[in-house]
Amino acid sequence: MERLAEKWRDKYPQIAKGLEGLVIDARRLGAPESFTSASAPVENPAVQTSEASFEIPAVNEKLYMKTREALKNEGYTFVVAIESLSIGQLALASVIRQRFGYVNTSENMRGIVPQQMEVAINPKKLRIKDSNSKSTDAQIKMIEDEETSLKGKLPQEVRDIVSMRIQNASVLAQLDGKYREERGEVLFTDWFGRTDDQTVPGHVACVGRRASADRLGVSDWHRGDGDGRVFAVSVVVLPRQLAV
């Protein structure tokens, strides 16, 4: 019902409002987020990116600074230190939780913890053009293409030490929060960023807002369907700087 309300908001606002009311009542009564049939075919699961499962290269200060400068030249000017906090932990933190509106109840999604890292974004081109209204598999391919394109513009010694592997709800939520703290604006204005985080089989989380004045929402959508408000994003993982 929540996804129908989202799709029908512009064309059928009264129906969308009624559906939202039903969603609120259903959650208050403890209804499950989705229903599955034992006889239904199993869909491909969401890509479960385990942020702790891949190694982030460690480089000396000179190469680290060269990487920062090269990315800056391509518009990746906003750098954020990501903390090892899950969406569940962020939603419970006394200060941070005030930023959230709805947070999907999936225990799986709420429990995914990113590793501590630095990421960089181009605030003007965070969402990948025309990546909305596509399945999550198509969006993953667009992220890979975006990564290849970016690496082709970077110095040779920088290309292999950066990646766009992170598509995690906590990372996107932390990005939005830090951007708001530093720039006084939200990153996700009237759209959502896709993630790899599975909520229930066949569904993945997305992070964003319907309107810039709204609190940050963590919802989900069917990974095989396209959604006009859900975009793939370009988030670059920086190498670690070796301690002197």
C-alpha atoms as a PDB file:
ATOM      1  CA  MET A   1       0.000   0.000   0.000  1.00  0.00           C
ATOM      2  CA  GLU A   2       2.861   2.332   0.789  1.00  0.00           C
ATOM      3  CA  ARG A   3       4.360   1.852  -2.661  1.00  0.00           C
ATOM      4  CA  LEU A   4       0.997   2.416  -4.325  1.00  0.00           C
ATOM      5  CA  ALA A   5       0.540   5.613  -2.326  1.00  0.00           C
ATOM      6  CA  GLU A   6       3.964   6.781  -3.512  1.00  0.00           C
ATOM      7  CA  LYS A   7       3.191   6.039  -7.169  1.00  0.00           C
ATOM      8  CA  TRP A   8      -0.272   7.603  -7.082  1.00  0.00           C
ATOM      9  CA  ARG A   9       0.602  10.681  -5.000  1.00  0.00           C
ATOM     10  CA  ASP A  10       0.724  13.132  -7.888  1.00  0.00           C
ATOM     11  CA  LYS A  11      -2.111  11.778 -10.031  1.00  0.00           C
ATOM     12  CA  TYR A  12      -4.474  10.523  -7.350  1.00  0.00           C
ATOM     13  CA  PRO A  13      -3.662  12.479  -4.157  1.00  0.00           C
ATOM     14  CA  GLN A  14      -6.867  11.552  -2.319  1.00  0.00           C
ATOM     15  CA  ILE A  15      -6.389   7.829  -2.941  1.00  0.00           C
ATOM     16  CA  ALA A  16      -2.742   8.114  -1.898  1.00  0.00           C
ATOM     17  CA  LYS A  17      -3.737   9.846   1.327  1.00  0.00           C
ATOM     18  CA  GLY A  18      -6.231   7.090   2.109  1.00  0.00           C
ATOM     19  CA  LEU A  19      -3.639   4.394   1.477  1.00  0.00           C
ATOM     20  CA  GLU A  20      -1.162   6.139   3.776  1.00  0.00           C
ATOM     21  CA  GLY A  21      -3.764   6.125   6.504  1.00  0.00           C
ATOM     22  CA  LEU A  22      -4.265   2.391   6.046  1.00  0.00           C
ATOM     23  CA  VAL A  23      -0.499   1.842   6.233  1.00  0.00           C
ATOM     24  CA  ILE A  24      -0.324   3.716   9.538  1.00  0.00           C
ATOM     25  CA  ASP A  25      -3.229   1.706  10.970  1.00  0.00           C
ATOM     26  CA  ALA A  26      -1.727  -1.574   9.772  1.00  0.00           C
ATOM     27  CA  ARG A  27       1.622  -0.870  11.389  1.00  0.00           C
ATOM     28  CA  ARG A  28      -0.038   0.253  14.605  1.00  0.00           C
ATOM     29  CA  LEU A  29      -1.832  -3.088  14.740  1.00  0.00           C
ATOM     30  CA  GLY A  30       1.373  -4.997  14.086  1.00  0.00           C
ATOM     31  CA  ALA A  31       0.665  -6.213  10.562  1.00  0.00           C
ATOM     32  CA  PRO A  32       3.692  -7.638   8.691  1.00  0.00           C
ATOM     33  CA  GLU A  33       5.428  -5.480   6.097  1.00  0.00           C
ATOM     34  CA  SER A  34       4.828  -8.037   3.363  1.00  0.00           C
ATOM     35  CA  PHE A  35       3.245 -11.400   2.676  1.00  0.00           C
ATOM     36  CA  THR A  36       4.914 -14.250   0.847  1.00  0.00           C
ATOM     37  CA  SER A  37       3.511 -17.476  -0.514  1.00  0.00           C
ATOM     38  CA  ALA A  38       5.262 -20.772   0.048  1.00  0.00           C
ATOM     39  CA  SER A  39       4.427 -21.740  -3.519  1.00  0.00           C
ATOM     40  CA  ALA A  40       5.658 -18.501  -5.036  1.00  0.00           C
ATOM     41  CA  PRO A  41       8.946 -18.629  -6.949  1.00  0.00           C
ATOM     42  CA  VAL A  42      11.943 -17.261  -5.077  1.00  0.00           C
ATOM     43  CA  GLU A  43      13.171 -14.022  -6.592  1.00  0.00           C
ATOM     44  CA  ASN A  44      16.800 -13.050  -6.843  1.00  0.00           C
ATOM     45  CA  PRO A  45      17.787 -11.606  -3.463  1.00  0.00           C
ATOM     46  CA  ALA A  46      19.069  -8.074  -3.134  1.00  0.00           C
ATOM     47  CA  VAL A  47      22.790  -7.727  -3.553  1.00  0.00           C
ATOM     48  CA  GLN A  48      23.930  -8.064   0.036  1.00  0.00           C
ATOM     49  CA  THR A  49      26.957  -5.839  -0.004  1.00  0.00           C
ATOM     50  CA  SER A  50      28.802  -6.563   3.192  1.00  0.00           C
ATOM     51  CA  GLU A  51      30.774  -3.399   3.754  1.00  0.00           C
ATOM     52  CA  ALA A  52      33.083  -5.334   6.064  1.00  0.00           C
ATOM     53  CA  SER A  53      33.844  -7.926   3.370  1.00  0.00           C
ATOM     54  CA  PHE A  54      35.996  -5.884   1.009  1.00  0.00           C
ATOM     55  CA  GLU A  55      39.348  -4.324   1.672  1.00  0.00           C
ATOM     56  CA  ILE A  56      39.867  -0.586   1.339  1.00  0.00           C
ATOM     57  CA  PRO A  57      43.417   0.112   0.100  1.00  0.00           C
ATOM     58  CA  ALA A  58      45.774   1.952   2.445  1.00  0.00           C
ATOM     59  CA  VAL A  59      48.147   4.464   0.842  1.00  0.00           C
ATOM     60  CA  ASN A  60      50.741   7.000   1.911  1.00  0.00           C
ATOM     61  CA  GLU A  61      49.845  10.625   2.486  1.00  0.00           C
ATOM     62  CA  LYS A  62      51.139  11.765  -0.899  1.00  0.00           C
ATOM     63  CA  LEU A  63      48.964   9.350  -2.869  1.00  0.00           C
ATOM     64  CA  TYR A  64      46.001   9.971  -0.572  1.00  0.00           C
ATOM     65  CA  MET A  65      46.178  13.717  -1.177  1.00  0.00           C
ATOM     66  CA  LYS A  66      46.635  13.144  -4.921  1.00  0.00           C
ATOM     67  CA  THR A  67      43.454  11.050  -4.862  1.00  0.00           C
ATOM     68  CA  ARG A  68      41.541  13.776  -3.045  1.00  0.00           C
ATOM     69  CA  GLU A  69      42.754  16.384  -5.522  1.00  0.00           C
ATOM     70  CA  ALA A  70      41.945  14.233  -8.564  1.00  0.00           C
ATOM     71  CA  LEU A  71      38.419  13.593  -7.309  1.00  0.00           C
ATOM     72  CA  LYS A  72      37.962  17.263  -6.476  1.00  0.00           C
ATOM     73  CA  ASN A  73      38.826  18.130 -10.071  1.00  0.00           C
ATOM     74  CA  GLU A  74      35.939  15.869 -11.158  1.00  0.00           C
ATOM     75  CA  GLY A  75      33.479  17.572  -8.807  1.00  0.00           C
ATOM     76  CA  TYR A  76      33.731  15.158  -5.860  1.00  0.00           C
ATOM     77  CA  THR A  77      34.217  17.949  -3.370  1.00  0.00           C
ATOM     78  CA  PHE A  78      32.206  16.755  -0.377  1.00  0.00           C
ATOM     79  CA  VAL A  79      34.029  14.210   1.763  1.00  0.00           C
ATOM     80  CA  VAL A  80      32.439  12.471   4.744  1.00  0.00           C
ATOM     81  CA  ALA A  81      33.852  10.182   7.413  1.00  0.00           C
ATOM     82  CA  ILE A  82      31.333   7.337   7.712  1.00  0.00           C
ATOM     83  CA  GLU A  83      30.875   5.789  11.149  1.00  0.00           C
ATOM     84  CA  SER A  84      30.237   2.095  11.793  1.00  0.00           C
ATOM     85  CA  LEU A  85      26.615   2.617  12.740  1.00  0.00           C
ATOM     86  CA  SER A  86      23.630   0.790  11.319  1.00  0.00           C
ATOM     87  CA  ILE A  87      20.318   2.397  10.437  1.00  0.00           C
ATOM     88  CA  GLY A  88      18.925   0.793  13.565  1.00  0.00           C
ATOM     89  CA  GLN A  89      21.572   2.480  15.694  1.00  0.00           C
ATOM     90  CA  LEU A  90      21.106   5.823  13.956  1.00  0.00           C
ATOM     91  CA  ALA A  91      17.352   5.636  14.473  1.00  0.00           C
ATOM     92  CA  LEU A  92      17.848   5.088  18.203  1.00  0.00           C
ATOM     93  CA  ALA A  93      20.493   7.778  18.794  1.00  0.00           C
ATOM     94  CA  SER A  94      18.934  10.605  20.813  1.00  0.00           C
ATOM     95  CA  VAL A  95      20.081  13.415  18.504  1.00  0.00           C
ATOM     96  CA  ILE A  96      20.137  11.691  15.111  1.00  0.00           C
ATOM     97  CA  ARG A  97      16.740  10.005  15.353  1.00  0.00           C
ATOM     98  CA  GLN A  98      15.004  13.382  15.189  1.00  0.00           C
ATOM     99  CA  ARG A  99      16.112  13.601  11.546  1.00  0.00           C
ATOM    100  CA  PHE A 100      14.145  10.516  10.578  1.00  0.00           C
ATOM    101  CA  GLY A 101      10.516  10.185   9.633  1.00  0.00           C
ATOM    102  CA  TYR A 102       9.591   6.636   8.691  1.00  0.00           C
ATOM    103  CA  VAL A 103      12.232   3.914   9.010  1.00  0.00           C
ATOM    104  CA  ASN A 104      11.377   0.503   7.585  1.00  0.00           C
ATOM    105  CA  THR A 105      10.998  -2.109  10.314  1.00  0.00           C
ATOM    106  CA  SER A 106      13.143  -4.764   8.620  1.00  0.00           C
ATOM    107  CA  GLU A 107      15.557  -6.198  11.187  1.00  0.00           C
ATOM    108  CA  ASN A 108      17.910  -7.265   8.417  1.00  0.00           C
ATOM    109  CA  MET A 109      18.188  -3.782   6.942  1.00  0.00           C
ATOM    110  CA  ARG A 110      18.380  -2.095  10.354  1.00  0.00           C
ATOM    111  CA  GLY A 111      21.230  -4.386  11.352  1.00  0.00           C
ATOM    112  CA  ILE A 112      23.614  -3.810   8.406  1.00  0.00           C
ATOM    113  CA  VAL A 113      26.692  -1.975   9.678  1.00  0.00           C
ATOM    114  CA  PRO A 114      29.062  -0.218   7.263  1.00  0.00           C
ATOM    115  CA  GLN A 115      32.740  -0.232   8.022  1.00  0.00           C
ATOM    116  CA  GLN A 116      34.398   3.003   9.027  1.00  0.00           C
ATOM    117  CA  MET A 117      35.567   4.797   5.893  1.00  0.00           C
ATOM    118  CA  GLU A 118      35.701   8.046   3.965  1.00  0.00           C
ATOM    119  CA  VAL A 119      33.453   8.658   0.982  1.00  0.00           C
ATOM    120  CA  ALA A 120      33.265  11.487  -1.524  1.00  0.00           C
ATOM    121  CA  ILE A 121      30.365  12.762  -3.610  1.00  0.00           C
ATOM    122  CA  ASN A 122      29.672  15.387  -6.219  1.00  0.00           C
ATOM    123  CA  PRO A 123      26.700  17.197  -4.602  1.00  0.00           C
ATOM    124  CA  LYS A 124      25.575  18.505  -7.984  1.00  0.00           C
ATOM    125  CA  LYS A 125      25.581  15.056  -9.581  1.00  0.00           C
ATOM    126  CA  LEU A 126      24.829  12.679  -6.733  1.00  0.00           C
ATOM    127  CA  ARG A 127      22.062  10.888  -8.563  1.00  0.00           C
ATOM    128  CA  ILE A 128      22.938   9.194 -11.804  1.00  0.00           C
ATOM    129  CA  LYS A 129      21.016  10.677 -14.714  1.00  0.00           C
ATOM    130  CA  ASP A 130      18.073   8.600 -15.959  1.00  0.00           C
ATOM    131  CA  SER A 131      18.693   5.873 -13.362  1.00  0.00           C
ATOM    132  CA  ASN A 132      15.179   6.143 -11.946  1.00  0.00           C
ATOM    133  CA  SER A 133      12.287   3.987 -13.166  1.00  0.00           C
ATOM    134  CA  LYS A 134      14.699   1.058 -13.572  1.00  0.00           C
ATOM    135  CA  SER A 135      15.141  -2.236 -11.764  1.00  0.00           C
ATOM    136  CA  THR A 136      17.872  -2.488  -9.177  1.00  0.00           C
ATOM    137  CA  ASP A 137      19.895  -4.763 -11.498  1.00  0.00           C
ATOM    138  CA  ALA A 138      19.811  -2.099 -14.208  1.00  0.00           C
ATOM    139  CA  GLN A 139      20.826   0.516 -11.646  1.00  0.00           C
ATOM    140  CA  ILE A 140      23.766  -1.590 -10.472  1.00  0.00           C
ATOM    141  CA  LYS A 141      24.980  -1.738 -14.080  1.00  0.00           C
ATOM    142  CA  MET A 142      24.664   2.052 -14.350  1.00  0.00           C
ATOM    143  CA  ILE A 143      26.763   2.469 -11.196  1.00  0.00           C
ATOM    144  CA  GLU A 144      29.427   0.199 -12.689  1.00  0.00           C
ATOM    145  CA  ASP A 145      29.403   2.279 -15.870  1.00  0.00           C
ATOM    146  CA  GLU A 146      29.659   5.478 -13.818  1.00  0.00           C
ATOM    147  CA  GLU A 147      32.636   4.068 -11.925  1.00  0.00           C
ATOM    148  CA  THR A 148      34.365   3.072 -15.165  1.00  0.00           C
ATOM    149  CA  SER A 149      33.764   6.530 -16.617  1.00  0.00           C
ATOM    150  CA  LEU A 150      35.149   8.267 -13.536  1.00  0.00           C
ATOM    151  CA  LYS A 151      38.230   6.064 -13.341  1.00  0.00           C
ATOM    152  CA  GLY A 152      38.986   6.854 -16.973  1.00  0.00           C
ATOM    153  CA  LYS A 153      39.344  10.512 -15.999  1.00  0.00           C
ATOM    154  CA  LEU A 154      41.635   9.924 -13.023  1.00  0.00           C
ATOM    155  CA  PRO A 155      45.437   9.560 -12.982  1.00  0.00           C
ATOM    156  CA  GLN A 156      46.597   5.984 -13.500  1.00  0.00           C
ATOM    157  CA  GLU A 157      47.876   5.506  -9.954  1.00  0.00           C
ATOM    158  CA  VAL A 158      44.539   6.658  -8.500  1.00  0.00           C
ATOM    159  CA  ARG A 159      42.146   4.547 -10.566  1.00  0.00           C
ATOM    160  CA  ASP A 160      42.575   1.259  -8.768  1.00  0.00           C
ATOM    161  CA  ILE A 161      42.338   2.618  -5.219  1.00  0.00           C
ATOM    162  CA  VAL A 162      38.847   4.143  -5.449  1.00  0.00           C
ATOM    163  CA  SER A 163      35.500   2.469  -6.021  1.00  0.00           C
ATOM    164  CA  MET A 164      31.745   3.023  -6.020  1.00  0.00           C
ATOM    165  CA  ARG A 165      30.916  -0.166  -4.149  1.00  0.00           C
ATOM    166  CA  ILE A 166      28.899   1.376  -1.343  1.00  0.00           C
ATOM    167  CA  GLN A 167      25.130   1.428  -1.739  1.00  0.00           C
ATOM    168  CA  ASN A 168      24.121   1.165   1.900  1.00  0.00           C
ATOM    169  CA  ALA A 169      21.225   2.813   3.740  1.00  0.00           C
ATOM    170  CA  SER A 170      23.340   3.903   6.698  1.00  0.00           C
ATOM    171  CA  VAL A 171      25.964   5.462   4.420  1.00  0.00           C
ATOM    172  CA  LEU A 172      23.341   7.456   2.516  1.00  0.00           C
ATOM    173  CA  ALA A 173      21.647   8.566   5.731  1.00  0.00           C
ATOM    174  CA  GLN A 174      24.960   9.686   7.216  1.00  0.00           C
ATOM    175  CA  LEU A 175      25.812  11.542   4.011  1.00  0.00           C
ATOM    176  CA  ASP A 176      22.518  13.427   4.122  1.00  0.00           C
ATOM    177  CA  GLY A 177      22.965  14.294   7.800  1.00  0.00           C
ATOM    178  CA  LYS A 178      26.556  15.532   7.447  1.00  0.00           C
ATOM    179  CA  TYR A 179      25.685  17.554   4.357  1.00  0.00           C
ATOM    180  CA  ARG A 180      22.853  19.233   6.209  1.00  0.00           C
ATOM    181  CA  GLU A 181      25.122  20.022   9.142  1.00  0.00           C
ATOM    182  CA  GLU A 182      27.826  21.569   6.963  1.00  0.00           C
ATOM    183  CA  ARG A 183      25.854  23.121   4.110  1.00  0.00           C
ATOM    184  CA  GLY A 184      22.473  23.791   5.713  1.00  0.00           C
ATOM    185  CA  GLU A 185      20.716  21.843   2.941  1.00  0.00           C
ATOM    186  CA  VAL A 186      19.533  18.280   2.444  1.00  0.00           C
ATOM    187  CA  LEU A 187      20.997  16.013  -0.215  1.00  0.00           C
ATOM    188  CA  PHE A 188      17.850  14.042  -0.898  1.00  0.00           C
ATOM    189  CA  THR A 189      15.298  16.719  -1.693  1.00  0.00           C
ATOM    190  CA  ASP A 190      12.328  15.110  -3.438  1.00  0.00           C
ATOM    191  CA  TRP A 191      13.866  11.772  -4.372  1.00  0.00           C
ATOM    192  CA  PHE A 192      15.354   8.589  -2.924  1.00  0.00           C
ATOM    193  CA  GLY A 193      18.710   6.860  -3.333  1.00  0.00           C
ATOM    194  CA  ARG A 194      18.750   3.093  -3.933  1.00  0.00           C
ATOM    195  CA  THR A 195      20.667   0.683  -1.734  1.00  0.00           C
ATOM    196  CA  ASP A 196      21.629  -2.989  -1.800  1.00  0.00           C
ATOM    197  CA  ASP A 197      20.123  -3.562   1.647  1.00  0.00           C
ATOM    198  CA  GLN A 198      17.413  -6.212   1.598  1.00  0.00           C
ATOM    199  CA  THR A 199      14.362  -5.541   3.740  1.00  0.00           C
ATOM    200  CA  VAL A 200      12.379  -8.668   2.872  1.00  0.00           C
ATOM    201  CA  PRO A 201      13.068 -11.140   0.031  1.00  0.00           C
ATOM    202  CA  GLY A 202      12.681  -9.286  -3.259  1.00  0.00           C
ATOM    203  CA  HIS A 203      12.708  -5.784  -1.739  1.00  0.00           C
ATOM    204  CA  VAL A 204      15.537  -3.331  -1.114  1.00  0.00           C
ATOM    205  CA  ALA A 205      15.777  -0.192   0.989  1.00  0.00           C
ATOM    206  CA  CYS A 206      15.875   3.345  -0.366  1.00  0.00           C
ATOM    207  CA  VAL A 207      16.751   6.566   1.481  1.00  0.00           C
ATOM    208  CA  GLY A 208      15.351  10.023   0.825  1.00  0.00           C
ATOM    209  CA  ARG A 209      12.353  12.333   0.937  1.00  0.00           C
ATOM    210  CA  ARG A 210       9.203  13.176  -0.980  1.00  0.00           C
ATOM    211  CA  ALA A 211       9.808  16.883  -0.290  1.00  0.00           C
ATOM    212  CA  SER A 212      12.824  18.813   1.008  1.00  0.00           C
ATOM    213  CA  ALA A 213      10.960  19.874   4.157  1.00  0.00           C
ATOM    214  CA  ASP A 214      10.252  16.263   5.136  1.00  0.00           C
ATOM    215  CA  ARG A 215      12.294  14.255   7.572  1.00  0.00           C
ATOM    216  CA  LEU A 216      14.565  11.623   6.078  1.00  0.00           C
ATOM    217  CA  GLY A 217      12.744   8.409   5.216  1.00  0.00           C
ATOM    218  CA  VAL A 218      14.054   4.868   4.856  1.00  0.00           C
ATOM    219  CA  SER A 219      11.534   2.927   2.805  1.00  0.00           C
ATOM    220  CA  ASP A 220      11.783   0.008   0.375  1.00  0.00           C
ATOM    221  CA  TRP A 221      10.671  -1.038  -3.082  1.00  0.00           C
ATOM    222  CA  HIS A 222      10.459  -4.158  -5.211  1.00  0.00           C
ATOM    223  CA  ARG A 223      13.917  -4.752  -6.681  1.00  0.00           C
ATOM    224  CA  GLY A 224      12.513  -5.843 -10.038  1.00  0.00           C
ATOM    225  CA  ASP A 225      10.342  -2.746 -10.553  1.00  0.00           C
ATOM    226  CA  GLY A 226      11.297   0.752 -11.540  1.00  0.00           C
ATOM    227  CA  ASP A 227      10.273   3.702  -9.382  1.00  0.00           C
ATOM    228  CA  GLY A 228      10.284   7.266 -10.646  1.00  0.00           C
ATOM    229  CA  ARG A 229      11.610   8.641  -7.358  1.00  0.00           C
ATOM    230  CA  VAL A 230      14.380   6.078  -6.758  1.00  0.00           C
ATOM    231  CA  PHE A 231      17.775   6.830  -8.327  1.00  0.00           C
ATOM    232  CA  ALA A 232      21.183   5.174  -8.281  1.00  0.00           C
ATOM    233  CA  VAL A 233      23.834   7.386  -6.690  1.00  0.00           C
ATOM    234  CA  SER A 234      27.558   7.996  -7.200  1.00  0.00           C
ATOM    235  CA  VAL A 235      29.403   7.529  -3.909  1.00  0.00           C
ATOM    236  CA  VAL A 236      33.184   7.084  -4.101  1.00  0.00           C
ATOM    237  CA  VAL A 237      35.071   5.179  -1.397  1.00  0.00           C
ATOM    238  CA  LEU A 238      38.438   6.793  -0.677  1.00  0.00           C
ATOM    239  CA  PRO A 239      41.596   4.847   0.225  1.00  0.00           C
ATOM    240  CA  ARG A 240      42.744   4.880   3.807  1.00  0.00           C
ATOM    241  CA  GLN A 241      45.693   7.068   4.722  1.00  0.00           C
ATOM    242  CA  LEU A 242      48.549   5.164   6.337  1.00  0.00           C
ATOM    243  CA  ALA A 243      49.519   6.329   9.797  1.00  0.00           C
ATOM    244  CA  VAL A 244      52.897   8.030   9.856  1.00  0.00           C
END
